[in-house]
Amino acid sequence: MKHDHFVVQSPDKPAQQLLLLFHGVGDNPVAMGEIGSWFAPLFPDALVVSVRWRGAER
């Protein structure tokens, strides 16, 4: 299953920051979610999303 994005963290209040993660060739947004989970506690007011890069499908 291909995902266009994977939301790692969505704060209860309106987000004060936006952290977008882009993966490289051969990876996917869900796998990048693990890296996003490292950032989430450091930025508790941020919306953290891993985005699919369509160029990675080569």
N, C-alpha and C. Protein backbone atom coordinates (compact mmCIF):
# COMPACT_ATOMS: atom_id res chain seq x y z
N MET A 1 0.84 -1.19 0.00
CA MET A 1 0.00 0.00 0.00
C MET A 1 0.88 1.25 0.00
N LYS A 2 0.59 2.17 -0.89
CA LYS A 2 1.37 3.40 -0.96
C LYS A 2 0.63 4.51 -0.23
N HIS A 3 1.37 5.26 0.54
CA HIS A 3 0.81 6.38 1.30
C HIS A 3 1.37 7.67 0.73
N ASP A 4 0.51 8.68 0.59
CA ASP A 4 0.99 9.99 0.15
C ASP A 4 1.64 10.75 1.29
N HIS A 5 1.19 10.47 2.50
CA HIS A 5 1.78 11.12 3.67
C HIS A 5 1.48 10.29 4.90
N PHE A 6 2.24 10.56 5.94
CA PHE A 6 2.05 9.87 7.22
C PHE A 6 2.14 10.93 8.31
N VAL A 7 1.06 11.13 9.04
CA VAL A 7 1.05 12.12 10.12
C VAL A 7 1.65 11.49 11.36
N VAL A 8 2.78 12.02 11.79
CA VAL A 8 3.48 11.51 12.97
C VAL A 8 2.87 12.11 14.23
N GLN A 9 2.59 13.40 14.18
CA GLN A 9 2.04 14.10 15.35
C GLN A 9 1.12 15.22 14.89
N SER A 10 -0.02 15.29 15.53
CA SER A 10 -0.97 16.37 15.29
C SER A 10 -1.40 16.91 16.65
N PRO A 11 -0.94 18.11 17.02
CA PRO A 11 -1.26 18.63 18.35
C PRO A 11 -2.76 18.89 18.53
N ASP A 12 -3.20 18.86 19.77
CA ASP A 12 -4.62 19.11 20.09
C ASP A 12 -5.04 20.54 19.75
N LYS A 13 -4.11 21.48 19.95
CA LYS A 13 -4.37 22.89 19.64
C LYS A 13 -3.85 23.17 18.23
N PRO A 14 -4.19 24.32 17.66
CA PRO A 14 -3.63 24.67 16.35
C PRO A 14 -2.09 24.62 16.40
N ALA A 15 -1.51 24.00 15.40
CA ALA A 15 -0.06 23.83 15.35
C ALA A 15 0.65 25.19 15.29
N GLN A 16 1.72 25.31 16.04
CA GLN A 16 2.55 26.51 16.03
C GLN A 16 3.73 26.37 15.08
N GLN A 17 4.02 25.12 14.70
CA GLN A 17 5.13 24.83 13.80
C GLN A 17 4.70 23.71 12.86
N LEU A 18 5.39 23.63 11.73
CA LEU A 18 5.16 22.57 10.76
C LEU A 18 6.50 21.93 10.44
N LEU A 19 6.58 20.64 10.66
CA LEU A 19 7.81 19.91 10.37
C LEU A 19 7.49 18.87 9.31
N LEU A 20 8.06 19.05 8.10
CA LEU A 20 7.84 18.13 7.00
C LEU A 20 9.09 17.29 6.79
N LEU A 21 8.90 16.00 6.66
CA LEU A 21 10.01 15.07 6.43
C LEU A 21 9.85 14.47 5.04
N PHE A 22 10.92 14.46 4.27
CA PHE A 22 10.91 13.88 2.94
C PHE A 22 11.93 12.75 2.89
N HIS A 23 11.52 11.60 2.39
CA HIS A 23 12.39 10.43 2.34
C HIS A 23 13.17 10.38 1.03
N GLY A 24 14.15 9.51 0.99
CA GLY A 24 14.96 9.34 -0.21
C GLY A 24 14.50 8.15 -1.03
N VAL A 25 15.23 7.88 -2.09
CA VAL A 25 14.91 6.79 -3.00
C VAL A 25 14.90 5.47 -2.24
N GLY A 26 13.87 4.68 -2.45
CA GLY A 26 13.77 3.36 -1.84
C GLY A 26 13.14 3.35 -0.46
N ASP A 27 12.79 4.49 0.07
CA ASP A 27 12.17 4.56 1.39
C ASP A 27 10.71 4.98 1.21
N ASN A 28 9.99 5.12 2.30
CA ASN A 28 8.58 5.51 2.22
C ASN A 28 8.22 6.37 3.42
N PRO A 29 7.07 7.05 3.35
CA PRO A 29 6.70 7.98 4.43
C PRO A 29 6.51 7.30 5.78
N VAL A 30 6.00 6.08 5.78
CA VAL A 30 5.77 5.40 7.05
C VAL A 30 7.10 5.10 7.74
N ALA A 31 8.09 4.67 6.98
CA ALA A 31 9.41 4.40 7.56
C ALA A 31 10.03 5.68 8.12
N MET A 32 9.79 6.80 7.46
CA MET A 32 10.32 8.08 7.95
C MET A 32 9.61 8.52 9.22
N GLY A 33 8.46 7.95 9.49
CA GLY A 33 7.73 8.29 10.71
C GLY A 33 8.53 8.02 11.96
N GLU A 34 9.40 7.01 11.91
CA GLU A 34 10.25 6.72 13.07
C GLU A 34 11.17 7.90 13.38
N ILE A 35 11.72 8.49 12.35
CA ILE A 35 12.57 9.67 12.54
C ILE A 35 11.72 10.83 13.06
N GLY A 36 10.52 10.98 12.53
CA GLY A 36 9.62 12.02 13.00
C GLY A 36 9.29 11.88 14.47
N SER A 37 9.22 10.63 14.94
CA SER A 37 8.91 10.41 16.36
C SER A 37 10.04 10.89 17.26
N TRP A 38 11.25 11.01 16.73
CA TRP A 38 12.36 11.57 17.51
C TRP A 38 12.16 13.07 17.69
N PHE A 39 11.65 13.73 16.66
CA PHE A 39 11.45 15.18 16.71
C PHE A 39 10.20 15.59 17.50
N ALA A 40 9.18 14.76 17.48
CA ALA A 40 7.89 15.10 18.09
C ALA A 40 8.00 15.59 19.54
N PRO A 41 8.73 14.91 20.42
CA PRO A 41 8.82 15.40 21.80
C PRO A 41 9.56 16.74 21.93
N LEU A 42 10.44 17.01 20.98
CA LEU A 42 11.20 18.26 21.02
C LEU A 42 10.36 19.45 20.54
N PHE A 43 9.34 19.15 19.74
CA PHE A 43 8.46 20.18 19.19
C PHE A 43 7.00 19.78 19.45
N PRO A 44 6.56 19.84 20.71
CA PRO A 44 5.22 19.35 21.06
C PRO A 44 4.07 20.12 20.41
N ASP A 45 4.32 21.35 19.96
CA ASP A 45 3.26 22.15 19.33
C ASP A 45 3.31 22.07 17.81
N ALA A 46 4.12 21.16 17.27
CA ALA A 46 4.30 21.06 15.83
C ALA A 46 3.43 19.97 15.21
N LEU A 47 2.98 20.24 14.00
CA LEU A 47 2.39 19.21 13.16
C LEU A 47 3.56 18.56 12.43
N VAL A 48 3.76 17.27 12.63
CA VAL A 48 4.89 16.56 12.04
C VAL A 48 4.34 15.57 11.01
N VAL A 49 4.75 15.76 9.75
CA VAL A 49 4.22 14.93 8.66
C VAL A 49 5.37 14.44 7.79
N SER A 50 5.34 13.16 7.48
CA SER A 50 6.28 12.57 6.54
C SER A 50 5.57 12.51 5.19
N VAL A 51 6.18 13.12 4.17
CA VAL A 51 5.55 13.29 2.87
C VAL A 51 6.20 12.36 1.84
N ARG A 52 5.36 11.76 1.02
CA ARG A 52 5.89 10.89 -0.04
C ARG A 52 6.50 11.73 -1.15
N TRP A 53 7.71 11.39 -1.52
CA TRP A 53 8.39 12.05 -2.63
C TRP A 53 8.22 11.16 -3.85
N ARG A 54 7.49 11.63 -4.83
CA ARG A 54 7.18 10.81 -6.00
C ARG A 54 8.42 10.48 -6.83
N GLY A 55 9.47 11.26 -6.72
CA GLY A 55 10.70 10.98 -7.43
C GLY A 55 11.43 9.76 -6.88
N ALA A 56 11.03 9.30 -5.71
CA ALA A 56 11.68 8.14 -5.09
C ALA A 56 11.25 6.83 -5.72
N GLU A 57 10.31 6.86 -6.63
CA GLU A 57 9.78 5.64 -7.23
C GLU A 57 10.55 5.20 -8.45
N ARG A 58 11.70 5.74 -8.67
CA ARG A 58 12.48 5.38 -9.86
C ARG A 58 12.97 3.97 -9.81
